[in-house]
Amino acid sequence: MDIAVAGAGYVGLVTAACLAEKGHKVACVDVDAGKVALLQSGKSPIYEPGLEELLKKNRERLWFTTDNAAAYRRADVIIIAVGTPEESDGSVNLRYVWEAAKQIAETAEKDCVVAVKSTVPVGTGDQVERWINENRENPVHIEVVANPEFLSQGTAVKDTLHASRIVLGVESPRAEKVMKEVYDPFALPYVVTDRKSAEMVKYASNVFLALKISYINEIANLCEMVGANIEDVAKGMGMDPRIGGRFCAPASDMAARVSRKIRKHCVGLRPVAIMN
């Protein structure tokens, strides 16, 4: 299958390398010519265990370019994995998502599926599909699916190749079939739902992890007050399979920052304003 990935950042690069590892032909697009040149030489601009090895191993199936038209023109699937930076008020900036959508609408020459892997507000996939099909240059059928990522720094390659689940937010049997052709080689369990529910899975998961961190931080404060050992308390809690030990250790104010960002992402979609 011919796949294009928009964005050679953390998520896009790991995704492209892992898809190539599973036998797909992958074109990864980025606006940074220096980064593209580095990647073409087989070197990674970021450190992630196992990533550079995959880049070198799959050079015949994986190529990098700044030419979005060449990558998108004949792709069966186009994965949008661009950044969604936070604005000064905490809201999400969808500028790069809409730039990718515009490029796809201008260049796609065959029926394809666009998978939004970037972290976006709930409902973005619906609006991206509507905008692409209203503005496409060629008479092709383009469907958008939500395909959120669940990567952690330091384990991103493992998190992709051995994910706990593949979440697909689709609105047609055809889109589901195409996306399963992408991921069937991974032999991982699927969660197939509608677009908005898939987008919400990402936020609900992040919120739950943030809640665990906030909770254990409060328990740490209580332990300090009563003279208990928080490490032993966390260990004792984490051994309960209903609770689990991951994200059950005191942290900084990360949880509060994540929660604020998530609330902003879920409110106030303004895609048309961003396009203009």
C-alpha atoms as a PDB file:
ATOM      1  CA  MET A   1       0.000   0.000   0.000  1.00  0.00           C
ATOM      2  CA  ASP A   2       1.237   3.525  -0.821  1.00  0.00           C
ATOM      3  CA  ILE A   3       1.070   5.751   2.260  1.00  0.00           C
ATOM      4  CA  ALA A   4       2.004   9.402   2.724  1.00  0.00           C
ATOM      5  CA  VAL A   5       2.662  10.941   6.121  1.00  0.00           C
ATOM      6  CA  ALA A   6       2.311  14.692   6.564  1.00  0.00           C
ATOM      7  CA  GLY A   7       4.879  15.798   9.121  1.00  0.00           C
ATOM      8  CA  ALA A   8       8.265  14.322  10.051  1.00  0.00           C
ATOM      9  CA  GLY A   9       8.035  15.331  13.685  1.00  0.00           C
ATOM     10  CA  TYR A  10       7.939  12.972  16.634  1.00  0.00           C
ATOM     11  CA  VAL A  11       4.660  11.224  15.787  1.00  0.00           C
ATOM     12  CA  GLY A  12       4.960  11.386  12.007  1.00  0.00           C
ATOM     13  CA  LEU A  13       8.514  10.080  11.840  1.00  0.00           C
ATOM     14  CA  VAL A  14       7.917   7.148  14.193  1.00  0.00           C
ATOM     15  CA  THR A  15       4.674   6.294  12.378  1.00  0.00           C
ATOM     16  CA  ALA A  16       6.342   6.405   8.948  1.00  0.00           C
ATOM     17  CA  ALA A  17       9.251   4.220  10.048  1.00  0.00           C
ATOM     18  CA  CYS A  18       7.018   1.613  11.659  1.00  0.00           C
ATOM     19  CA  LEU A  19       4.671   1.459   8.646  1.00  0.00           C
ATOM     20  CA  ALA A  20       7.674   0.897   6.377  1.00  0.00           C
ATOM     21  CA  GLU A  21       8.873  -1.825   8.741  1.00  0.00           C
ATOM     22  CA  LYS A  22       5.551  -3.604   8.155  1.00  0.00           C
ATOM     23  CA  GLY A  23       6.020  -3.589   4.392  1.00  0.00           C
ATOM     24  CA  HIS A  24       4.238  -0.433   3.222  1.00  0.00           C
ATOM     25  CA  LYS A  25       5.763   2.084   0.814  1.00  0.00           C
ATOM     26  CA  VAL A  26       5.846   5.349   2.746  1.00  0.00           C
ATOM     27  CA  ALA A  27       6.535   8.952   1.719  1.00  0.00           C
ATOM     28  CA  CYS A  28       7.085  11.313   4.640  1.00  0.00           C
ATOM     29  CA  VAL A  29       6.590  15.022   3.920  1.00  0.00           C
ATOM     30  CA  ASP A  30       8.089  17.924   5.849  1.00  0.00           C
ATOM     31  CA  VAL A  31       8.649  21.612   5.098  1.00  0.00           C
ATOM     32  CA  ASP A  32      12.124  21.595   6.695  1.00  0.00           C
ATOM     33  CA  ALA A  33      14.568  20.856   3.879  1.00  0.00           C
ATOM     34  CA  GLY A  34      17.444  20.398   6.324  1.00  0.00           C
ATOM     35  CA  LYS A  35      15.523  17.764   8.277  1.00  0.00           C
ATOM     36  CA  VAL A  36      14.540  15.982   5.058  1.00  0.00           C
ATOM     37  CA  ALA A  37      18.184  15.877   3.898  1.00  0.00           C
ATOM     38  CA  LEU A  38      19.246  14.434   7.248  1.00  0.00           C
ATOM     39  CA  LEU A  39      16.531  11.776   7.103  1.00  0.00           C
ATOM     40  CA  GLN A  40      17.420  10.846   3.527  1.00  0.00           C
ATOM     41  CA  SER A  41      20.921  10.053   4.782  1.00  0.00           C
ATOM     42  CA  GLY A  42      19.435   7.586   7.266  1.00  0.00           C
ATOM     43  CA  LYS A  43      19.927   9.733  10.346  1.00  0.00           C
ATOM     44  CA  SER A  44      17.194  10.755  12.762  1.00  0.00           C
ATOM     45  CA  PRO A  45      16.816  14.351  14.009  1.00  0.00           C
ATOM     46  CA  ILE A  46      15.410  13.008  17.289  1.00  0.00           C
ATOM     47  CA  TYR A  47      16.603  10.294  19.619  1.00  0.00           C
ATOM     48  CA  GLU A  48      14.195   7.455  20.118  1.00  0.00           C
ATOM     49  CA  PRO A  49      15.388   3.905  20.845  1.00  0.00           C
ATOM     50  CA  GLY A  50      15.194   1.776  17.711  1.00  0.00           C
ATOM     51  CA  LEU A  51      14.122   4.590  15.385  1.00  0.00           C
ATOM     52  CA  GLU A  52      17.356   5.178  13.478  1.00  0.00           C
ATOM     53  CA  GLU A  53      17.755   1.442  12.970  1.00  0.00           C
ATOM     54  CA  LEU A  54      14.304   1.314  11.342  1.00  0.00           C
ATOM     55  CA  LEU A  55      15.145   4.294   9.110  1.00  0.00           C
ATOM     56  CA  LYS A  56      18.280   2.594   7.811  1.00  0.00           C
ATOM     57  CA  LYS A  57      16.703  -0.849   7.494  1.00  0.00           C
ATOM     58  CA  ASN A  58      13.728   0.369   5.444  1.00  0.00           C
ATOM     59  CA  ARG A  59      15.357   2.907   3.138  1.00  0.00           C
ATOM     60  CA  GLU A  60      14.021   1.120   0.050  1.00  0.00           C
ATOM     61  CA  ARG A  61      10.420   1.529   1.241  1.00  0.00           C
ATOM     62  CA  LEU A  62      10.717   4.871   3.051  1.00  0.00           C
ATOM     63  CA  TRP A  63      11.527   8.204   1.456  1.00  0.00           C
ATOM     64  CA  PHE A  64      11.450  11.795   2.643  1.00  0.00           C
ATOM     65  CA  THR A  65      10.526  14.877   0.658  1.00  0.00           C
ATOM     66  CA  THR A  66       9.440  18.506   0.828  1.00  0.00           C
ATOM     67  CA  ASP A  67       7.272  17.964  -2.279  1.00  0.00           C
ATOM     68  CA  ASN A  68       3.786  17.322  -0.897  1.00  0.00           C
ATOM     69  CA  ALA A  69       2.265  16.979  -4.360  1.00  0.00           C
ATOM     70  CA  ALA A  70       4.595  14.128  -5.273  1.00  0.00           C
ATOM     71  CA  ALA A  71       3.746  12.334  -2.032  1.00  0.00           C
ATOM     72  CA  TYR A  72      -0.024  12.882  -1.985  1.00  0.00           C
ATOM     73  CA  ARG A  73      -0.813  12.547  -5.690  1.00  0.00           C
ATOM     74  CA  ARG A  74      -1.071   8.726  -5.811  1.00  0.00           C
ATOM     75  CA  ALA A  75      -1.290   7.796  -2.122  1.00  0.00           C
ATOM     76  CA  ASP A  76      -3.904   5.283  -0.967  1.00  0.00           C
ATOM     77  CA  VAL A  77      -3.768   6.691   2.565  1.00  0.00           C
ATOM     78  CA  ILE A  78      -2.509  10.075   3.771  1.00  0.00           C
ATOM     79  CA  ILE A  79      -1.781  10.377   7.487  1.00  0.00           C
ATOM     80  CA  ILE A  80      -1.846  13.868   8.969  1.00  0.00           C
ATOM     81  CA  ALA A  81       0.671  13.860  11.825  1.00  0.00           C
ATOM     82  CA  VAL A  82       1.600  17.530  12.036  1.00  0.00           C
ATOM     83  CA  GLY A  83       2.001  19.477  15.249  1.00  0.00           C
ATOM     84  CA  THR A  84      -0.910  21.170  17.011  1.00  0.00           C
ATOM     85  CA  PRO A  85       0.890  23.698  19.218  1.00  0.00           C
ATOM     86  CA  GLU A  86      -0.727  25.390  22.180  1.00  0.00           C
ATOM     87  CA  GLU A  87      -1.685  29.060  21.893  1.00  0.00           C
ATOM     88  CA  SER A  88      -0.917  31.596  24.629  1.00  0.00           C
ATOM     89  CA  ASP A  89      -4.439  31.141  26.009  1.00  0.00           C
ATOM     90  CA  GLY A  90      -4.051  27.358  26.104  1.00  0.00           C
ATOM     91  CA  SER A  91      -6.234  26.643  23.050  1.00  0.00           C
ATOM     92  CA  VAL A  92      -5.012  24.450  20.216  1.00  0.00           C
ATOM     93  CA  ASN A  93      -3.576  25.857  16.998  1.00  0.00           C
ATOM     94  CA  LEU A  94      -4.832  23.827  14.007  1.00  0.00           C
ATOM     95  CA  ARG A  95      -2.962  25.844  11.391  1.00  0.00           C
ATOM     96  CA  TYR A  96      -0.742  22.963  10.257  1.00  0.00           C
ATOM     97  CA  VAL A  97      -3.644  20.517  10.110  1.00  0.00           C
ATOM     98  CA  TRP A  98      -5.494  22.853   7.779  1.00  0.00           C
ATOM     99  CA  GLU A  99      -2.393  23.479   5.680  1.00  0.00           C
ATOM    100  CA  ALA A 100      -2.092  19.723   5.172  1.00  0.00           C
ATOM    101  CA  ALA A 101      -5.807  19.469   4.319  1.00  0.00           C
ATOM    102  CA  LYS A 102      -5.437  22.254   1.759  1.00  0.00           C
ATOM    103  CA  GLN A 103      -2.462  20.532   0.124  1.00  0.00           C
ATOM    104  CA  ILE A 104      -4.345  17.224  -0.033  1.00  0.00           C
ATOM    105  CA  ALA A 105      -7.371  18.898  -1.636  1.00  0.00           C
ATOM    106  CA  GLU A 106      -5.119  20.496  -4.251  1.00  0.00           C
ATOM    107  CA  THR A 107      -3.010  17.461  -5.152  1.00  0.00           C
ATOM    108  CA  ALA A 108      -4.844  14.146  -4.578  1.00  0.00           C
ATOM    109  CA  GLU A 109      -5.481  12.436  -7.932  1.00  0.00           C
ATOM    110  CA  LYS A 110      -7.031   9.155  -6.774  1.00  0.00           C
ATOM    111  CA  ASP A 111      -9.577   8.018  -4.208  1.00  0.00           C
ATOM    112  CA  CYS A 112      -7.920   7.930  -0.807  1.00  0.00           C
ATOM    113  CA  VAL A 113      -8.417   7.940   2.941  1.00  0.00           C
ATOM    114  CA  VAL A 114      -7.018  10.746   5.090  1.00  0.00           C
ATOM    115  CA  ALA A 115      -6.205   9.635   8.637  1.00  0.00           C
ATOM    116  CA  VAL A 116      -5.870  12.407  11.226  1.00  0.00           C
ATOM    117  CA  LYS A 117      -3.324  11.250  13.800  1.00  0.00           C
ATOM    118  CA  SER A 118      -2.576  14.726  15.178  1.00  0.00           C
ATOM    119  CA  THR A 119      -4.195  15.513  18.513  1.00  0.00           C
ATOM    120  CA  VAL A 120      -7.179  17.661  17.544  1.00  0.00           C
ATOM    121  CA  PRO A 121     -10.416  18.890  19.153  1.00  0.00           C
ATOM    122  CA  VAL A 122     -13.415  16.586  18.929  1.00  0.00           C
ATOM    123  CA  GLY A 123     -15.251  17.254  15.663  1.00  0.00           C
ATOM    124  CA  THR A 124     -12.182  18.294  13.663  1.00  0.00           C
ATOM    125  CA  GLY A 125     -12.304  15.191  11.459  1.00  0.00           C
ATOM    126  CA  ASP A 126     -15.847  16.003  10.342  1.00  0.00           C
ATOM    127  CA  GLN A 127     -14.829  19.509   9.343  1.00  0.00           C
ATOM    128  CA  VAL A 128     -11.616  18.406   7.622  1.00  0.00           C
ATOM    129  CA  GLU A 129     -13.551  15.931   5.441  1.00  0.00           C
ATOM    130  CA  ARG A 130     -16.193  18.495   4.556  1.00  0.00           C
ATOM    131  CA  TRP A 131     -13.604  21.142   3.651  1.00  0.00           C
ATOM    132  CA  ILE A 132     -11.441  18.803   1.543  1.00  0.00           C
ATOM    133  CA  ASN A 133     -14.387  17.550  -0.487  1.00  0.00           C
ATOM    134  CA  GLU A 134     -15.750  21.054  -1.021  1.00  0.00           C
ATOM    135  CA  ASN A 135     -12.378  22.322  -2.251  1.00  0.00           C
ATOM    136  CA  ARG A 136     -10.698  19.363  -3.979  1.00  0.00           C
ATOM    137  CA  GLU A 137      -9.166  20.046  -7.391  1.00  0.00           C
ATOM    138  CA  ASN A 138      -9.883  16.623  -8.891  1.00  0.00           C
ATOM    139  CA  PRO A 139     -13.048  14.454  -9.035  1.00  0.00           C
ATOM    140  CA  VAL A 140     -11.855  11.943  -6.436  1.00  0.00           C
ATOM    141  CA  HIS A 141     -13.503  10.436  -3.346  1.00  0.00           C
ATOM    142  CA  ILE A 142     -11.714  11.352  -0.109  1.00  0.00           C
ATOM    143  CA  GLU A 143     -12.770  10.109   3.306  1.00  0.00           C
ATOM    144  CA  VAL A 144     -11.340  11.231   6.649  1.00  0.00           C
ATOM    145  CA  VAL A 145     -10.837   8.948   9.632  1.00  0.00           C
ATOM    146  CA  ALA A 146      -9.669   9.648  13.166  1.00  0.00           C
ATOM    147  CA  ASN A 147      -6.636   7.558  14.122  1.00  0.00           C
ATOM    148  CA  PRO A 148      -5.206   8.925  17.397  1.00  0.00           C
ATOM    149  CA  GLU A 149      -1.747   8.034  18.669  1.00  0.00           C
ATOM    150  CA  PHE A 150      -0.781   6.936  22.179  1.00  0.00           C
ATOM    151  CA  LEU A 151       3.004   7.292  22.185  1.00  0.00           C
ATOM    152  CA  SER A 152       5.357   7.994  25.061  1.00  0.00           C
ATOM    153  CA  GLN A 153       8.811   9.490  24.643  1.00  0.00           C
ATOM    154  CA  GLY A 154      11.468   6.848  25.048  1.00  0.00           C
ATOM    155  CA  THR A 155       9.169   3.991  24.038  1.00  0.00           C
ATOM    156  CA  ALA A 156       7.504   5.390  20.888  1.00  0.00           C
ATOM    157  CA  VAL A 157       8.732   2.665  18.507  1.00  0.00           C
ATOM    158  CA  LYS A 158       7.614  -0.052  20.914  1.00  0.00           C
ATOM    159  CA  ASP A 159       4.334   1.794  21.529  1.00  0.00           C
ATOM    160  CA  THR A 160       3.662   1.742  17.773  1.00  0.00           C
ATOM    161  CA  LEU A 161       4.802  -1.777  16.870  1.00  0.00           C
ATOM    162  CA  HIS A 162       3.257  -3.327  19.988  1.00  0.00           C
ATOM    163  CA  ALA A 163       0.394  -0.955  20.772  1.00  0.00           C
ATOM    164  CA  SER A 164      -2.330  -1.937  23.222  1.00  0.00           C
ATOM    165  CA  ARG A 165      -4.927  -1.064  20.563  1.00  0.00           C
ATOM    166  CA  ILE A 166      -5.478   0.620  17.202  1.00  0.00           C
ATOM    167  CA  VAL A 167      -8.306   3.160  17.411  1.00  0.00           C
ATOM    168  CA  LEU A 168     -10.141   3.878  14.142  1.00  0.00           C
ATOM    169  CA  GLY A 169     -12.878   6.494  13.889  1.00  0.00           C
ATOM    170  CA  VAL A 170     -14.631   5.787  10.590  1.00  0.00           C
ATOM    171  CA  GLU A 171     -17.888   6.735   8.907  1.00  0.00           C
ATOM    172  CA  SER A 172     -18.063   4.029   6.226  1.00  0.00           C
ATOM    173  CA  PRO A 173     -17.209   0.346   5.702  1.00  0.00           C
ATOM    174  CA  ARG A 174     -14.810   1.353   2.925  1.00  0.00           C
ATOM    175  CA  ALA A 175     -12.765   3.597   5.214  1.00  0.00           C
ATOM    176  CA  GLU A 176     -12.613   0.824   7.827  1.00  0.00           C
ATOM    177  CA  LYS A 177     -11.452  -1.691   5.219  1.00  0.00           C
ATOM    178  CA  VAL A 178      -8.698   0.595   3.928  1.00  0.00           C
ATOM    179  CA  MET A 179      -7.392   1.406   7.405  1.00  0.00           C
ATOM    180  CA  LYS A 180      -7.359  -2.251   8.394  1.00  0.00           C
ATOM    181  CA  GLU A 181      -5.214  -2.935   5.330  1.00  0.00           C
ATOM    182  CA  VAL A 182      -2.776  -0.425   6.817  1.00  0.00           C
ATOM    183  CA  TYR A 183      -2.719  -1.951  10.302  1.00  0.00           C
ATOM    184  CA  ASP A 184      -3.453  -5.662   9.808  1.00  0.00           C
ATOM    185  CA  PRO A 185       0.302  -6.430   9.506  1.00  0.00           C
ATOM    186  CA  PHE A 186       0.722  -5.214  13.095  1.00  0.00           C
ATOM    187  CA  ALA A 187      -1.656  -7.956  14.378  1.00  0.00           C
ATOM    188  CA  LEU A 188      -3.052  -5.703  17.109  1.00  0.00           C
ATOM    189  CA  PRO A 189      -6.592  -5.373  18.542  1.00  0.00           C
ATOM    190  CA  TYR A 190      -8.887  -2.768  16.984  1.00  0.00           C
ATOM    191  CA  VAL A 191     -11.338  -0.332  18.502  1.00  0.00           C
ATOM    192  CA  VAL A 192     -13.563   0.713  15.591  1.00  0.00           C
ATOM    193  CA  THR A 193     -16.005   3.540  16.226  1.00  0.00           C
ATOM    194  CA  ASP A 194     -17.166   6.838  14.720  1.00  0.00           C
ATOM    195  CA  ARG A 195     -14.828   9.808  14.208  1.00  0.00           C
ATOM    196  CA  LYS A 196     -15.906  11.882  17.196  1.00  0.00           C
ATOM    197  CA  SER A 197     -15.735   8.939  19.580  1.00  0.00           C
ATOM    198  CA  ALA A 198     -12.220   8.083  18.382  1.00  0.00           C
ATOM    199  CA  GLU A 199     -11.107  11.684  18.897  1.00  0.00           C
ATOM    200  CA  MET A 200     -12.626  11.561  22.382  1.00  0.00           C
ATOM    201  CA  VAL A 201     -10.772   8.330  23.221  1.00  0.00           C
ATOM    202  CA  LYS A 202      -7.520  10.311  22.981  1.00  0.00           C
ATOM    203  CA  TYR A 203      -8.687  13.038  25.355  1.00  0.00           C
ATOM    204  CA  ALA A 204     -10.421  10.682  27.773  1.00  0.00           C
ATOM    205  CA  SER A 205      -7.228   8.620  28.011  1.00  0.00           C
ATOM    206  CA  ASN A 206      -5.053  11.678  28.620  1.00  0.00           C
ATOM    207  CA  VAL A 207      -7.456  13.024  31.243  1.00  0.00           C
ATOM    208  CA  PHE A 208      -7.528   9.718  33.109  1.00  0.00           C
ATOM    209  CA  LEU A 209      -3.735   9.551  33.248  1.00  0.00           C
ATOM    210  CA  ALA A 210      -3.621  13.166  34.424  1.00  0.00           C
ATOM    211  CA  LEU A 211      -6.170  12.327  37.119  1.00  0.00           C
ATOM    212  CA  LYS A 212      -3.972   9.471  38.373  1.00  0.00           C
ATOM    213  CA  ILE A 213      -1.001  11.823  38.652  1.00  0.00           C
ATOM    214  CA  SER A 214      -3.081  14.499  40.402  1.00  0.00           C
ATOM    215  CA  TYR A 215      -4.470  11.924  42.813  1.00  0.00           C
ATOM    216  CA  ILE A 216      -1.090  10.429  43.785  1.00  0.00           C
ATOM    217  CA  ASN A 217       0.295  13.955  44.251  1.00  0.00           C
ATOM    218  CA  GLU A 218      -2.468  14.641  46.782  1.00  0.00           C
ATOM    219  CA  ILE A 219      -1.736  11.337  48.510  1.00  0.00           C
ATOM    220  CA  ALA A 220       1.940  12.345  48.645  1.00  0.00           C
ATOM    221  CA  ASN A 221       0.971  15.579  50.420  1.00  0.00           C
ATOM    222  CA  LEU A 222      -1.131  13.608  52.883  1.00  0.00           C
ATOM    223  CA  CYS A 223       1.729  11.142  53.497  1.00  0.00           C
ATOM    224  CA  GLU A 224       4.029  14.046  54.317  1.00  0.00           C
ATOM    225  CA  MET A 225       1.505  15.359  56.824  1.00  0.00           C
ATOM    226  CA  VAL A 226       1.064  12.018  58.650  1.00  0.00           C
ATOM    227  CA  GLY A 227       4.611  10.675  58.295  1.00  0.00           C
ATOM    228  CA  ALA A 228       3.886   7.884  55.775  1.00  0.00           C
ATOM    229  CA  ASN A 229       6.224   6.762  52.981  1.00  0.00           C
ATOM    230  CA  ILE A 230       4.656   7.713  49.624  1.00  0.00           C
ATOM    231  CA  GLU A 231       6.824   5.293  47.638  1.00  0.00           C
ATOM    232  CA  ASP A 232       5.633   2.345  49.701  1.00  0.00           C
ATOM    233  CA  VAL A 233       2.036   3.596  49.561  1.00  0.00           C
ATOM    234  CA  ALA A 234       2.190   3.941  45.760  1.00  0.00           C
ATOM    235  CA  LYS A 235       3.750   0.488  45.439  1.00  0.00           C
ATOM    236  CA  GLY A 236       1.044  -1.044  47.593  1.00  0.00           C
ATOM    237  CA  MET A 237      -1.670   0.658  45.554  1.00  0.00           C
ATOM    238  CA  GLY A 238      -0.123  -0.193  42.199  1.00  0.00           C
ATOM    239  CA  MET A 239       0.016  -3.918  42.906  1.00  0.00           C
ATOM    240  CA  ASP A 240      -3.794  -3.944  42.867  1.00  0.00           C
ATOM    241  CA  PRO A 241      -4.658  -4.903  39.250  1.00  0.00           C
ATOM    242  CA  ARG A 242      -7.703  -2.638  39.379  1.00  0.00           C
ATOM    243  CA  ILE A 243      -5.394   0.360  39.906  1.00  0.00           C
ATOM    244  CA  GLY A 244      -2.090  -0.551  38.258  1.00  0.00           C
ATOM    245  CA  GLY A 245       1.328   0.858  38.936  1.00  0.00           C
ATOM    246  CA  ARG A 246       1.823   3.023  35.865  1.00  0.00           C
ATOM    247  CA  PHE A 247       1.349   6.763  36.433  1.00  0.00           C
ATOM    248  CA  CYS A 248       1.054   5.991  40.132  1.00  0.00           C
ATOM    249  CA  ALA A 249       4.063   8.014  41.277  1.00  0.00           C
ATOM    250  CA  PRO A 250       4.242  11.644  42.460  1.00  0.00           C
ATOM    251  CA  ALA A 251       5.020  14.123  39.690  1.00  0.00           C
ATOM    252  CA  SER A 252       5.285  17.848  39.113  1.00  0.00           C
ATOM    253  CA  ASP A 253       2.453  20.101  37.954  1.00  0.00           C
ATOM    254  CA  MET A 254       2.260  18.143  34.671  1.00  0.00           C
ATOM    255  CA  ALA A 255      -1.216  16.844  35.432  1.00  0.00           C
ATOM    256  CA  ALA A 256      -2.644  20.320  35.905  1.00  0.00           C
ATOM    257  CA  ARG A 257      -1.056  21.555  32.685  1.00  0.00           C
ATOM    258  CA  VAL A 258      -2.285  18.554  30.714  1.00  0.00           C
ATOM    259  CA  SER A 259      -5.810  18.933  32.084  1.00  0.00           C
ATOM    260  CA  ARG A 260      -5.947  22.634  31.179  1.00  0.00           C
ATOM    261  CA  LYS A 261      -4.720  21.905  27.657  1.00  0.00           C
ATOM    262  CA  ILE A 262      -7.273  19.136  27.196  1.00  0.00           C
ATOM    263  CA  ARG A 263     -10.159  21.358  28.325  1.00  0.00           C
ATOM    264  CA  LYS A 264      -9.091  24.018  25.823  1.00  0.00           C
ATOM    265  CA  HIS A 265      -8.821  21.446  23.025  1.00  0.00           C
ATOM    266  CA  CYS A 266     -12.384  20.254  23.615  1.00  0.00           C
ATOM    267  CA  VAL A 267     -13.920  23.714  23.369  1.00  0.00           C
ATOM    268  CA  GLY A 268     -14.100  26.363  20.655  1.00  0.00           C
ATOM    269  CA  LEU A 269     -13.469  24.885  17.213  1.00  0.00           C
ATOM    270  CA  ARG A 270     -12.615  27.670  14.764  1.00  0.00           C
ATOM    271  CA  PRO A 271     -11.250  25.894  11.647  1.00  0.00           C
ATOM    272  CA  VAL A 272     -12.586  28.350   9.073  1.00  0.00           C
ATOM    273  CA  ALA A 273     -10.938  31.273  10.852  1.00  0.00           C
ATOM    274  CA  ILE A 274      -7.659  29.368  10.855  1.00  0.00           C
ATOM    275  CA  MET A 275      -7.888  28.680   7.125  1.00  0.00           C
ATOM    276  CA  ASN A 276      -8.490  32.344   6.418  1.00  0.00           C
END
